[in-house]
Amino acid sequence: MLTKPRGRVLLAIFAAAIVSQIGCIHSTNPLVAPEKAETDKSLYGAWRGILPNIGGPEPTEDSFYYIGRAGKGYPEGMMRLVLVTADRKSGPAALECFFFEARIGGVRYLNFASLPDGSRPAEEWKPEGAKLYMIARCTVQEDVLTLEFVNKQALKDAVDAKKLQGTRDADGYVDHLTSSTDELAKFFATPDAKALFSERPDMQLKLKRVK
């Protein structure tokens, strides 16, 4: 039987790809209003990622990502992601979340809606139900989907320079962005946005399409 781990937030989906250099950065607002997001059927289907076994050659967990339209009651451009993991020690588990795409300056960004811990997705989309959003840069080349995550130091530099607004954690890094959707879109349209994401493999999550 598949289980949905209680209290696991959205970022658990990407835990294997997030190391200390990557900021688990949230934003109060998305890059685009969900109602204005365009449908991207190129992301639909089944994808597979493998979580490496650190210190050993064999993977400890296989993960499958199923992406499709969010469904009735949700904006046309919103997608549903169901993650099924098969950990060899703890057994299978399932998680789901909702996201939508924003294209700014020819670059694709995914906005993942983070629900309050323990909440179940509602039958219809209510923006006020989203606790926060996580923004990742997305590229698709042939059958490989790559998600690039925000670097904590680069984001801190952008807030220090007052290019973005955000709250701070105890170490002075950005806890989450508070800039409006319009302010975020304006910043992400500039060359400065490129510095927020890294092309280093250890700061990415790569998925391969299942045929």
N, C-alpha and C. Protein backbone atom coordinates (compact mmCIF):
# COMPACT_ATOMS: atom_id res chain seq x y z
N MET A 1 0.84 -1.20 0.00
CA MET A 1 0.00 0.00 0.00
C MET A 1 0.88 1.24 0.00
N LEU A 2 0.51 2.19 -0.83
CA LEU A 2 1.25 3.44 -0.86
C LEU A 2 0.81 4.31 0.30
N THR A 3 1.76 5.03 0.87
CA THR A 3 1.47 5.92 1.98
C THR A 3 1.87 7.32 1.62
N LYS A 4 1.21 8.28 2.23
CA LYS A 4 1.58 9.68 2.05
C LYS A 4 2.16 10.17 3.35
N PRO A 5 3.50 10.34 3.46
CA PRO A 5 4.12 10.70 4.72
C PRO A 5 3.53 11.98 5.29
N ARG A 6 3.11 11.94 6.54
CA ARG A 6 2.47 13.06 7.19
C ARG A 6 3.49 14.16 7.46
N GLY A 7 3.10 15.41 7.16
CA GLY A 7 3.95 16.56 7.52
C GLY A 7 5.10 16.81 6.58
N ARG A 8 5.25 16.02 5.54
CA ARG A 8 6.34 16.27 4.60
C ARG A 8 5.92 17.37 3.66
N VAL A 9 6.72 18.42 3.58
CA VAL A 9 6.38 19.56 2.74
C VAL A 9 6.83 19.29 1.32
N LEU A 10 6.47 20.20 0.44
CA LEU A 10 6.77 20.05 -0.98
C LEU A 10 8.24 19.79 -1.24
N LEU A 11 9.11 20.43 -0.50
CA LEU A 11 10.54 20.31 -0.80
C LEU A 11 11.06 18.91 -0.59
N ALA A 12 10.31 18.05 0.07
CA ALA A 12 10.74 16.66 0.21
C ALA A 12 10.88 16.00 -1.15
N ILE A 13 10.11 16.47 -2.12
CA ILE A 13 10.18 15.92 -3.47
C ILE A 13 11.58 16.08 -4.04
N PHE A 14 12.24 17.18 -3.67
CA PHE A 14 13.53 17.47 -4.26
C PHE A 14 14.68 17.26 -3.28
N ALA A 15 14.44 16.57 -2.17
CA ALA A 15 15.44 16.48 -1.11
C ALA A 15 16.75 15.89 -1.59
N ALA A 16 16.69 14.91 -2.48
CA ALA A 16 17.92 14.27 -2.92
C ALA A 16 18.80 15.20 -3.72
N ALA A 17 18.22 16.21 -4.35
CA ALA A 17 18.98 17.13 -5.19
C ALA A 17 19.44 18.36 -4.43
N ILE A 18 18.93 18.55 -3.22
CA ILE A 18 19.26 19.76 -2.48
C ILE A 18 20.38 19.48 -1.49
N VAL A 19 21.47 20.17 -1.64
CA VAL A 19 22.58 20.07 -0.71
C VAL A 19 22.74 21.40 -0.03
N SER A 20 23.75 21.53 0.81
CA SER A 20 23.86 22.74 1.63
C SER A 20 24.00 24.01 0.81
N GLN A 21 24.54 23.92 -0.41
CA GLN A 21 24.72 25.12 -1.23
C GLN A 21 23.41 25.60 -1.83
N ILE A 22 22.39 24.77 -1.82
CA ILE A 22 21.14 25.12 -2.47
C ILE A 22 20.18 25.64 -1.43
N GLY A 23 19.58 26.80 -1.67
CA GLY A 23 18.62 27.35 -0.74
C GLY A 23 17.24 26.77 -0.97
N CYS A 24 16.63 26.29 0.08
CA CYS A 24 15.23 25.87 0.00
C CYS A 24 14.40 27.14 0.09
N ILE A 25 14.46 27.95 -0.94
CA ILE A 25 13.87 29.28 -0.91
C ILE A 25 12.44 29.26 -1.40
N HIS A 26 11.58 29.89 -0.63
CA HIS A 26 10.18 30.02 -1.00
C HIS A 26 9.87 31.47 -1.36
N SER A 27 8.73 31.66 -2.00
CA SER A 27 8.27 33.00 -2.32
C SER A 27 6.79 33.12 -1.95
N THR A 28 6.45 34.25 -1.37
CA THR A 28 5.05 34.48 -1.03
C THR A 28 4.19 34.51 -2.28
N ASN A 29 4.76 35.00 -3.37
CA ASN A 29 4.02 35.14 -4.62
C ASN A 29 4.70 34.38 -5.75
N PRO A 30 3.94 33.91 -6.72
CA PRO A 30 4.53 33.22 -7.88
C PRO A 30 5.01 34.21 -8.92
N LEU A 31 5.65 33.69 -9.95
CA LEU A 31 6.14 34.54 -11.04
C LEU A 31 5.02 34.99 -11.97
N VAL A 32 3.94 34.26 -11.97
CA VAL A 32 2.79 34.60 -12.79
C VAL A 32 1.55 34.10 -12.05
N ALA A 33 0.43 34.77 -12.22
CA ALA A 33 -0.80 34.32 -11.60
C ALA A 33 -1.19 32.97 -12.21
N PRO A 34 -1.61 32.01 -11.40
CA PRO A 34 -1.96 30.68 -11.93
C PRO A 34 -2.99 30.76 -13.05
N GLU A 35 -3.91 31.70 -12.94
CA GLU A 35 -4.96 31.82 -13.95
C GLU A 35 -4.42 32.27 -15.30
N LYS A 36 -3.22 32.85 -15.31
CA LYS A 36 -2.62 33.33 -16.55
C LYS A 36 -1.55 32.38 -17.09
N ALA A 37 -1.27 31.33 -16.35
CA ALA A 37 -0.24 30.38 -16.78
C ALA A 37 -0.69 29.62 -18.01
N GLU A 38 0.24 29.39 -18.92
CA GLU A 38 -0.07 28.66 -20.15
C GLU A 38 0.17 27.17 -19.97
N THR A 39 -0.64 26.38 -20.65
CA THR A 39 -0.49 24.93 -20.60
C THR A 39 0.80 24.51 -21.29
N ASP A 40 1.54 23.60 -20.66
CA ASP A 40 2.78 23.09 -21.26
C ASP A 40 2.69 21.56 -21.28
N LYS A 41 2.13 21.03 -22.36
CA LYS A 41 1.94 19.59 -22.44
C LYS A 41 3.24 18.83 -22.66
N SER A 42 4.33 19.56 -22.94
CA SER A 42 5.61 18.87 -23.12
C SER A 42 6.10 18.26 -21.82
N LEU A 43 5.53 18.71 -20.69
CA LEU A 43 5.91 18.16 -19.40
C LEU A 43 5.03 16.98 -19.00
N TYR A 44 3.93 16.76 -19.71
CA TYR A 44 3.01 15.68 -19.36
C TYR A 44 3.68 14.32 -19.55
N GLY A 45 3.32 13.40 -18.71
CA GLY A 45 3.82 12.04 -18.86
C GLY A 45 4.55 11.56 -17.63
N ALA A 46 5.27 10.46 -17.80
CA ALA A 46 6.00 9.84 -16.70
C ALA A 46 7.49 10.12 -16.83
N TRP A 47 8.10 10.46 -15.71
CA TRP A 47 9.54 10.74 -15.64
C TRP A 47 10.14 9.92 -14.51
N ARG A 48 11.44 9.64 -14.65
CA ARG A 48 12.11 8.85 -13.62
C ARG A 48 13.38 9.55 -13.17
N GLY A 49 13.58 9.56 -11.87
CA GLY A 49 14.82 10.06 -11.31
C GLY A 49 15.38 9.02 -10.37
N ILE A 50 16.70 8.99 -10.24
CA ILE A 50 17.34 8.02 -9.34
C ILE A 50 18.09 8.78 -8.27
N LEU A 51 17.81 8.44 -7.01
CA LEU A 51 18.51 9.06 -5.90
C LEU A 51 19.76 8.25 -5.63
N PRO A 52 20.95 8.86 -5.65
CA PRO A 52 22.18 8.09 -5.49
C PRO A 52 22.40 7.61 -4.07
N ASN A 53 23.05 6.50 -3.95
CA ASN A 53 23.46 5.98 -2.65
C ASN A 53 24.83 6.53 -2.33
N ILE A 54 24.90 7.53 -1.47
CA ILE A 54 26.17 8.16 -1.15
C ILE A 54 27.08 7.15 -0.45
N GLY A 55 28.25 6.93 -1.03
CA GLY A 55 29.19 5.98 -0.45
C GLY A 55 29.06 4.58 -1.03
N GLY A 56 28.15 4.39 -1.96
CA GLY A 56 27.97 3.06 -2.54
C GLY A 56 27.50 3.16 -3.97
N PRO A 57 27.71 2.14 -4.77
CA PRO A 57 27.37 2.20 -6.19
C PRO A 57 25.90 1.99 -6.48
N GLU A 58 25.15 1.34 -5.57
CA GLU A 58 23.76 1.00 -5.85
C GLU A 58 22.82 2.11 -5.37
N PRO A 59 21.81 2.45 -6.16
CA PRO A 59 20.83 3.44 -5.70
C PRO A 59 20.00 2.88 -4.56
N THR A 60 19.59 3.72 -3.63
CA THR A 60 18.78 3.29 -2.50
C THR A 60 17.31 3.56 -2.75
N GLU A 61 16.99 4.33 -3.76
CA GLU A 61 15.61 4.70 -4.00
C GLU A 61 15.39 5.04 -5.46
N ASP A 62 14.30 4.55 -6.01
CA ASP A 62 13.86 4.95 -7.33
C ASP A 62 12.66 5.87 -7.17
N SER A 63 12.58 6.88 -8.00
CA SER A 63 11.47 7.82 -7.90
C SER A 63 10.87 8.04 -9.29
N PHE A 64 9.54 8.01 -9.35
CA PHE A 64 8.81 8.21 -10.59
C PHE A 64 7.90 9.42 -10.43
N TYR A 65 7.95 10.31 -11.41
CA TYR A 65 7.19 11.56 -11.37
C TYR A 65 6.16 11.53 -12.49
N TYR A 66 4.89 11.61 -12.14
CA TYR A 66 3.81 11.58 -13.11
C TYR A 66 3.20 12.97 -13.19
N ILE A 67 3.23 13.57 -14.37
CA ILE A 67 2.78 14.95 -14.56
C ILE A 67 1.63 14.99 -15.55
N GLY A 68 0.60 15.72 -15.19
CA GLY A 68 -0.53 15.90 -16.07
C GLY A 68 -1.31 17.13 -15.65
N ARG A 69 -2.41 17.36 -16.30
CA ARG A 69 -3.24 18.50 -15.96
C ARG A 69 -3.78 18.35 -14.54
N ALA A 70 -3.91 19.46 -13.83
CA ALA A 70 -4.36 19.41 -12.44
C ALA A 70 -5.77 18.86 -12.33
N GLY A 71 -6.62 19.17 -13.31
CA GLY A 71 -7.97 18.63 -13.29
C GLY A 71 -9.05 19.67 -13.15
N LYS A 72 -10.25 19.20 -13.10
CA LYS A 72 -11.41 20.07 -13.00
C LYS A 72 -11.34 20.92 -11.74
N GLY A 73 -11.69 22.20 -11.90
CA GLY A 73 -11.67 23.10 -10.75
C GLY A 73 -10.37 23.86 -10.59
N TYR A 74 -9.40 23.54 -11.46
CA TYR A 74 -8.09 24.20 -11.41
C TYR A 74 -7.86 24.97 -12.70
N PRO A 75 -7.04 26.02 -12.67
CA PRO A 75 -6.75 26.78 -13.89
C PRO A 75 -6.21 25.87 -15.00
N GLU A 76 -6.47 26.25 -16.23
CA GLU A 76 -6.09 25.43 -17.38
C GLU A 76 -4.61 25.10 -17.40
N GLY A 77 -3.77 26.07 -17.01
CA GLY A 77 -2.33 25.87 -17.09
C GLY A 77 -1.71 25.19 -15.88
N MET A 78 -2.50 24.87 -14.88
CA MET A 78 -1.94 24.25 -13.69
C MET A 78 -1.80 22.75 -13.88
N MET A 79 -0.70 22.21 -13.37
CA MET A 79 -0.41 20.79 -13.51
C MET A 79 -0.32 20.11 -12.16
N ARG A 80 -0.56 18.82 -12.18
CA ARG A 80 -0.47 17.99 -10.98
C ARG A 80 0.74 17.08 -11.12
N LEU A 81 1.55 17.01 -10.08
CA LEU A 81 2.70 16.10 -10.06
C LEU A 81 2.49 15.09 -8.95
N VAL A 82 2.56 13.82 -9.31
CA VAL A 82 2.48 12.74 -8.33
C VAL A 82 3.82 12.04 -8.31
N LEU A 83 4.44 12.02 -7.15
CA LEU A 83 5.73 11.37 -6.98
C LEU A 83 5.53 10.05 -6.24
N VAL A 84 6.02 8.98 -6.84
CA VAL A 84 5.98 7.67 -6.20
C VAL A 84 7.42 7.21 -6.00
N THR A 85 7.77 6.94 -4.76
CA THR A 85 9.12 6.48 -4.46
C THR A 85 9.07 5.02 -4.01
N ALA A 86 10.16 4.32 -4.24
CA ALA A 86 10.25 2.91 -3.87
C ALA A 86 11.54 2.68 -3.11
N ASP A 87 11.57 3.17 -1.89
CA ASP A 87 12.77 3.01 -1.07
C ASP A 87 12.91 1.54 -0.65
N ARG A 88 14.09 1.02 -0.78
CA ARG A 88 14.30 -0.40 -0.50
C ARG A 88 14.25 -0.72 0.99
N LYS A 89 14.38 0.29 1.82
CA LYS A 89 14.35 0.07 3.26
C LYS A 89 12.98 0.35 3.86
N SER A 90 12.38 1.49 3.48
CA SER A 90 11.12 1.90 4.10
C SER A 90 9.90 1.57 3.25
N GLY A 91 10.10 1.10 2.02
CA GLY A 91 8.98 0.74 1.18
C GLY A 91 8.46 1.90 0.36
N PRO A 92 7.39 1.68 -0.43
CA PRO A 92 6.87 2.71 -1.33
C PRO A 92 6.11 3.80 -0.59
N ALA A 93 6.09 5.00 -1.20
CA ALA A 93 5.35 6.13 -0.65
C ALA A 93 4.95 7.03 -1.81
N ALA A 94 3.93 7.85 -1.60
CA ALA A 94 3.45 8.73 -2.66
C ALA A 94 3.22 10.13 -2.12
N LEU A 95 3.52 11.11 -2.96
CA LEU A 95 3.28 12.51 -2.66
C LEU A 95 2.68 13.16 -3.89
N GLU A 96 1.91 14.24 -3.72
CA GLU A 96 1.43 14.98 -4.86
C GLU A 96 1.51 16.47 -4.58
N CYS A 97 1.65 17.24 -5.66
CA CYS A 97 1.67 18.70 -5.53
C CYS A 97 1.17 19.29 -6.84
N PHE A 98 0.98 20.60 -6.83
CA PHE A 98 0.49 21.32 -8.00
C PHE A 98 1.51 22.39 -8.39
N PHE A 99 1.63 22.61 -9.68
CA PHE A 99 2.57 23.63 -10.15
C PHE A 99 2.10 24.17 -11.48
N PHE A 100 2.71 25.27 -11.88
CA PHE A 100 2.41 25.87 -13.18
C PHE A 100 3.66 26.56 -13.68
N GLU A 101 3.67 26.83 -14.98
CA GLU A 101 4.88 27.35 -15.62
C GLU A 101 4.76 28.83 -15.92
N ALA A 102 5.90 29.52 -15.83
CA ALA A 102 6.00 30.91 -16.27
C ALA A 102 7.17 30.99 -17.24
N ARG A 103 6.97 31.61 -18.37
CA ARG A 103 8.06 31.81 -19.33
C ARG A 103 8.37 33.29 -19.39
N ILE A 104 9.61 33.61 -19.02
CA ILE A 104 10.05 35.00 -18.98
C ILE A 104 11.36 35.11 -19.74
N GLY A 105 11.38 35.94 -20.77
CA GLY A 105 12.59 36.09 -21.55
C GLY A 105 13.06 34.80 -22.19
N GLY A 106 12.12 33.93 -22.54
CA GLY A 106 12.48 32.67 -23.17
C GLY A 106 12.93 31.59 -22.20
N VAL A 107 12.91 31.89 -20.91
CA VAL A 107 13.34 30.93 -19.89
C VAL A 107 12.10 30.37 -19.19
N ARG A 108 12.13 29.08 -18.91
CA ARG A 108 11.01 28.42 -18.26
C ARG A 108 11.25 28.31 -16.76
N TYR A 109 10.25 28.70 -15.99
CA TYR A 109 10.30 28.57 -14.54
C TYR A 109 9.06 27.83 -14.07
N LEU A 110 9.25 26.92 -13.14
CA LEU A 110 8.13 26.21 -12.55
C LEU A 110 7.83 26.77 -11.17
N ASN A 111 6.56 27.03 -10.92
CA ASN A 111 6.10 27.56 -9.64
C ASN A 111 5.33 26.46 -8.92
N PHE A 112 5.93 25.91 -7.88
CA PHE A 112 5.30 24.84 -7.11
C PHE A 112 4.54 25.44 -5.93
N ALA A 113 3.28 25.08 -5.80
CA ALA A 113 2.46 25.59 -4.70
C ALA A 113 2.66 24.70 -3.48
N SER A 114 3.07 25.31 -2.39
CA SER A 114 3.30 24.57 -1.15
C SER A 114 2.11 24.77 -0.22
N LEU A 115 1.45 23.67 0.10
CA LEU A 115 0.30 23.72 0.99
C LEU A 115 0.77 23.62 2.44
N PRO A 116 -0.02 24.10 3.38
CA PRO A 116 0.34 23.95 4.79
C PRO A 116 0.58 22.49 5.12
N ASP A 117 1.50 22.22 6.05
CA ASP A 117 1.83 20.84 6.40
C ASP A 117 0.58 20.05 6.77
N GLY A 118 0.46 18.87 6.18
CA GLY A 118 -0.65 18.00 6.49
C GLY A 118 -1.91 18.27 5.70
N SER A 119 -1.93 19.34 4.89
CA SER A 119 -3.13 19.68 4.14
C SER A 119 -3.30 18.78 2.93
N ARG A 120 -4.52 18.52 2.59
CA ARG A 120 -4.83 17.77 1.38
C ARG A 120 -5.22 18.74 0.27
N PRO A 121 -4.88 18.47 -0.97
CA PRO A 121 -5.31 19.34 -2.07
C PRO A 121 -6.83 19.47 -2.10
N ALA A 122 -7.32 20.66 -2.33
CA ALA A 122 -8.76 20.90 -2.38
C ALA A 122 -9.32 20.44 -3.72
N GLU A 123 -10.63 20.33 -3.80
CA GLU A 123 -11.27 19.91 -5.04
C GLU A 123 -11.18 20.98 -6.11
N GLU A 124 -10.98 22.22 -5.69
CA GLU A 124 -10.80 23.30 -6.66
C GLU A 124 -9.72 24.24 -6.15
N TRP A 125 -9.11 24.95 -7.07
CA TRP A 125 -7.98 25.81 -6.74
C TRP A 125 -8.45 27.08 -6.03
N LYS A 126 -7.82 27.35 -4.90
CA LYS A 126 -8.05 28.58 -4.17
C LYS A 126 -6.69 29.18 -3.85
N PRO A 127 -6.33 30.29 -4.51
CA PRO A 127 -5.01 30.88 -4.31
C PRO A 127 -4.65 31.12 -2.85
N GLU A 128 -5.65 31.47 -2.04
CA GLU A 128 -5.36 31.73 -0.63
C GLU A 128 -4.95 30.46 0.12
N GLY A 129 -5.19 29.30 -0.51
CA GLY A 129 -4.81 28.05 0.13
C GLY A 129 -3.34 27.71 -0.02
N ALA A 130 -2.65 28.40 -0.92
CA ALA A 130 -1.22 28.15 -1.11
C ALA A 130 -0.43 28.88 -0.04
N LYS A 131 0.34 28.14 0.71
CA LYS A 131 1.13 28.73 1.79
C LYS A 131 2.26 29.57 1.22
N LEU A 132 3.00 28.98 0.31
CA LEU A 132 4.14 29.62 -0.34
C LEU A 132 4.33 28.97 -1.71
N TYR A 133 5.28 29.51 -2.47
CA TYR A 133 5.64 28.92 -3.75
C TYR A 133 7.14 28.66 -3.78
N MET A 134 7.55 27.63 -4.50
CA MET A 134 8.96 27.39 -4.75
C MET A 134 9.19 27.52 -6.23
N ILE A 135 10.16 28.33 -6.60
CA ILE A 135 10.43 28.61 -8.01
C ILE A 135 11.73 27.90 -8.42
N ALA A 136 11.66 27.14 -9.49
CA ALA A 136 12.83 26.45 -10.03
C ALA A 136 12.92 26.73 -11.52
N ARG A 137 14.14 26.83 -12.03
CA ARG A 137 14.32 26.99 -13.47
C ARG A 137 14.24 25.62 -14.11
N CYS A 138 13.62 25.55 -15.27
CA CYS A 138 13.36 24.27 -15.92
C CYS A 138 13.88 24.28 -17.36
N THR A 139 14.54 23.22 -17.75
CA THR A 139 14.92 23.02 -19.14
C THR A 139 14.54 21.61 -19.55
N VAL A 140 14.16 21.45 -20.81
CA VAL A 140 13.86 20.13 -21.35
C VAL A 140 14.65 19.96 -22.63
N GLN A 141 15.53 18.99 -22.64
CA GLN A 141 16.34 18.70 -23.82
C GLN A 141 16.15 17.23 -24.16
N GLU A 142 15.55 17.00 -25.32
CA GLU A 142 15.20 15.65 -25.75
C GLU A 142 14.33 15.00 -24.66
N ASP A 143 14.81 13.96 -24.00
CA ASP A 143 14.00 13.25 -23.01
C ASP A 143 14.47 13.52 -21.58
N VAL A 144 15.20 14.59 -21.37
CA VAL A 144 15.71 14.90 -20.03
C VAL A 144 15.15 16.23 -19.55
N LEU A 145 14.52 16.20 -18.41
CA LEU A 145 13.99 17.40 -17.76
C LEU A 145 14.92 17.74 -16.60
N THR A 146 15.39 18.98 -16.59
CA THR A 146 16.31 19.42 -15.53
C THR A 146 15.69 20.56 -14.74
N LEU A 147 15.70 20.42 -13.43
CA LEU A 147 15.28 21.50 -12.54
C LEU A 147 16.50 22.05 -11.84
N GLU A 148 16.68 23.36 -11.94
CA GLU A 148 17.81 24.03 -11.29
C GLU A 148 17.26 24.87 -10.15
N PHE A 149 17.89 24.76 -8.99
CA PHE A 149 17.37 25.40 -7.80
C PHE A 149 18.12 26.67 -7.43
N VAL A 150 17.50 27.43 -6.58
CA VAL A 150 18.02 28.74 -6.20
C VAL A 150 19.21 28.61 -5.26
N ASN A 151 20.23 29.39 -5.51
CA ASN A 151 21.41 29.42 -4.65
C ASN A 151 21.21 30.45 -3.54
N LYS A 152 21.43 30.04 -2.30
CA LYS A 152 21.15 30.91 -1.15
C LYS A 152 21.97 32.19 -1.18
N GLN A 153 23.25 32.07 -1.53
CA GLN A 153 24.11 33.25 -1.51
C GLN A 153 23.72 34.24 -2.61
N ALA A 154 23.43 33.73 -3.79
CA ALA A 154 23.03 34.61 -4.89
C ALA A 154 21.73 35.32 -4.57
N LEU A 155 20.82 34.62 -3.94
CA LEU A 155 19.55 35.26 -3.58
C LEU A 155 19.76 36.31 -2.50
N LYS A 156 20.62 36.01 -1.55
CA LYS A 156 20.95 36.98 -0.49
C LYS A 156 21.54 38.24 -1.10
N ASP A 157 22.42 38.07 -2.08
CA ASP A 157 23.04 39.22 -2.73
C ASP A 157 21.99 40.09 -3.43
N ALA A 158 21.01 39.45 -4.05
CA ALA A 158 19.96 40.20 -4.75
C ALA A 158 19.10 40.99 -3.77
N VAL A 159 18.83 40.41 -2.62
CA VAL A 159 18.04 41.12 -1.60
C VAL A 159 18.88 42.21 -0.95
N ASP A 160 20.16 41.93 -0.72
CA ASP A 160 21.05 42.96 -0.14
C ASP A 160 21.11 44.18 -1.06
N ALA A 161 21.09 43.93 -2.36
CA ALA A 161 21.16 45.02 -3.33
C ALA A 161 19.80 45.67 -3.57
N LYS A 162 18.79 45.20 -2.82
CA LYS A 162 17.42 45.73 -2.91
C LYS A 162 16.78 45.52 -4.28
N LYS A 163 17.25 44.49 -4.98
CA LYS A 163 16.63 44.13 -6.24
C LYS A 163 15.39 43.26 -6.01
N LEU A 164 15.38 42.61 -4.86
CA LEU A 164 14.25 41.80 -4.43
C LEU A 164 14.02 42.06 -2.95
N GLN A 165 12.84 41.71 -2.46
CA GLN A 165 12.55 41.85 -1.04
C GLN A 165 12.29 40.46 -0.45
N GLY A 166 12.70 40.30 0.82
CA GLY A 166 12.47 39.02 1.46
C GLY A 166 12.74 39.07 2.94
N THR A 167 12.29 38.07 3.66
CA THR A 167 12.55 37.96 5.08
C THR A 167 13.82 37.14 5.28
N ARG A 168 14.43 37.28 6.46
CA ARG A 168 15.72 36.62 6.74
C ARG A 168 15.57 35.53 7.79
N ASP A 169 16.47 34.56 7.69
CA ASP A 169 16.53 33.55 8.74
C ASP A 169 17.58 33.95 9.76
N ALA A 170 17.85 33.08 10.72
CA ALA A 170 18.77 33.41 11.81
C ALA A 170 20.19 33.64 11.32
N ASP A 171 20.55 33.08 10.17
CA ASP A 171 21.90 33.24 9.62
C ASP A 171 22.01 34.40 8.63
N GLY A 172 20.92 35.13 8.44
CA GLY A 172 20.96 36.27 7.54
C GLY A 172 20.63 35.96 6.11
N TYR A 173 20.38 34.68 5.81
CA TYR A 173 19.97 34.33 4.45
C TYR A 173 18.48 34.59 4.27
N VAL A 174 18.04 34.53 3.03
CA VAL A 174 16.64 34.83 2.74
C VAL A 174 15.77 33.62 3.07
N ASP A 175 14.81 33.82 3.96
CA ASP A 175 13.89 32.75 4.34
C ASP A 175 12.85 32.55 3.24
N HIS A 176 12.24 33.65 2.81
CA HIS A 176 11.38 33.60 1.64
C HIS A 176 11.22 35.00 1.06
N LEU A 177 10.95 35.04 -0.23
CA LEU A 177 10.78 36.31 -0.92
C LEU A 177 9.39 36.88 -0.64
N THR A 178 9.34 38.19 -0.56
CA THR A 178 8.05 38.87 -0.35
C THR A 178 7.72 39.82 -1.49
N SER A 179 8.54 39.87 -2.52
CA SER A 179 8.26 40.72 -3.67
C SER A 179 6.95 40.31 -4.33
N SER A 180 6.26 41.27 -4.92
CA SER A 180 5.01 40.98 -5.60
C SER A 180 5.28 40.19 -6.88
N THR A 181 4.23 39.65 -7.47
CA THR A 181 4.37 38.92 -8.73
C THR A 181 4.95 39.82 -9.81
N ASP A 182 4.48 41.06 -9.90
CA ASP A 182 5.00 41.99 -10.91
C ASP A 182 6.48 42.30 -10.67
N GLU A 183 6.85 42.48 -9.41
CA GLU A 183 8.26 42.77 -9.09
C GLU A 183 9.14 41.57 -9.40
N LEU A 184 8.66 40.38 -9.11
CA LEU A 184 9.42 39.17 -9.42
C LEU A 184 9.60 39.01 -10.92
N ALA A 185 8.52 39.20 -11.67
CA ALA A 185 8.58 39.04 -13.13
C ALA A 185 9.55 40.05 -13.73
N LYS A 186 9.55 41.26 -13.19
CA LYS A 186 10.46 42.30 -13.70
C LYS A 186 11.91 41.92 -13.45
N PHE A 187 12.20 41.41 -12.25
CA PHE A 187 13.57 41.01 -11.93
C PHE A 187 14.00 39.81 -12.78
N PHE A 188 13.12 38.82 -12.91
CA PHE A 188 13.47 37.61 -13.65
C PHE A 188 13.62 37.87 -15.14
N ALA A 189 13.20 39.03 -15.59
CA ALA A 189 13.39 39.41 -17.00
C ALA A 189 14.76 40.03 -17.23
N THR A 190 15.53 40.27 -16.17
CA THR A 190 16.85 40.88 -16.28
C THR A 190 17.94 39.82 -16.29
N PRO A 191 19.14 40.15 -16.77
CA PRO A 191 20.26 39.19 -16.74
C PRO A 191 20.64 38.77 -15.33
N ASP A 192 20.29 39.59 -14.32
CA ASP A 192 20.66 39.25 -12.94
C ASP A 192 20.02 37.95 -12.48
N ALA A 193 18.88 37.59 -13.06
CA ALA A 193 18.18 36.39 -12.62
C ALA A 193 19.00 35.13 -12.90
N LYS A 194 19.83 35.17 -13.91
CA LYS A 194 20.61 33.99 -14.26
C LYS A 194 21.52 33.56 -13.14
N ALA A 195 22.01 34.52 -12.34
CA ALA A 195 22.93 34.20 -11.26
C ALA A 195 22.27 33.42 -10.13
N LEU A 196 20.94 33.44 -10.09
CA LEU A 196 20.24 32.75 -9.00
C LEU A 196 20.27 31.23 -9.16
N PHE A 197 20.59 30.77 -10.36
CA PHE A 197 20.53 29.34 -10.62
C PHE A 197 21.89 28.84 -11.09
N SER A 198 22.17 27.60 -10.75
CA SER A 198 23.47 27.04 -11.08
C SER A 198 23.33 25.91 -12.08
N GLU A 199 24.35 25.75 -12.91
CA GLU A 199 24.39 24.65 -13.86
C GLU A 199 25.19 23.48 -13.32
N ARG A 200 25.62 23.58 -12.06
CA ARG A 200 26.36 22.48 -11.45
C ARG A 200 25.45 21.27 -11.25
N PRO A 201 25.90 20.07 -11.61
CA PRO A 201 25.06 18.87 -11.49
C PRO A 201 24.56 18.61 -10.07
N ASP A 202 25.36 18.98 -9.07
CA ASP A 202 24.94 18.71 -7.69
C ASP A 202 23.92 19.73 -7.18
N MET A 203 23.55 20.67 -8.03
CA MET A 203 22.53 21.65 -7.67
C MET A 203 21.33 21.54 -8.61
N GLN A 204 21.15 20.34 -9.14
CA GLN A 204 20.07 20.11 -10.09
C GLN A 204 19.35 18.81 -9.78
N LEU A 205 18.16 18.71 -10.30
CA LEU A 205 17.44 17.45 -10.29
C LEU A 205 17.14 17.10 -11.74
N LYS A 206 17.59 15.92 -12.17
CA LYS A 206 17.38 15.51 -13.56
C LYS A 206 16.42 14.33 -13.60
N LEU A 207 15.46 14.43 -14.52
CA LEU A 207 14.49 13.36 -14.72
C LEU A 207 14.54 12.92 -16.17
N LYS A 208 14.37 11.63 -16.38
CA LYS A 208 14.36 11.10 -17.74
C LYS A 208 12.97 10.58 -18.07
N ARG A 209 12.49 10.94 -19.26
CA ARG A 209 11.15 10.54 -19.64
C ARG A 209 11.06 9.03 -19.77
N VAL A 210 9.96 8.47 -19.26
CA VAL A 210 9.71 7.03 -19.37
C VAL A 210 8.88 6.81 -20.63
N LYS A 211 9.37 5.98 -21.52
CA LYS A 211 8.66 5.72 -22.77
C LYS A 211 7.95 4.36 -22.72
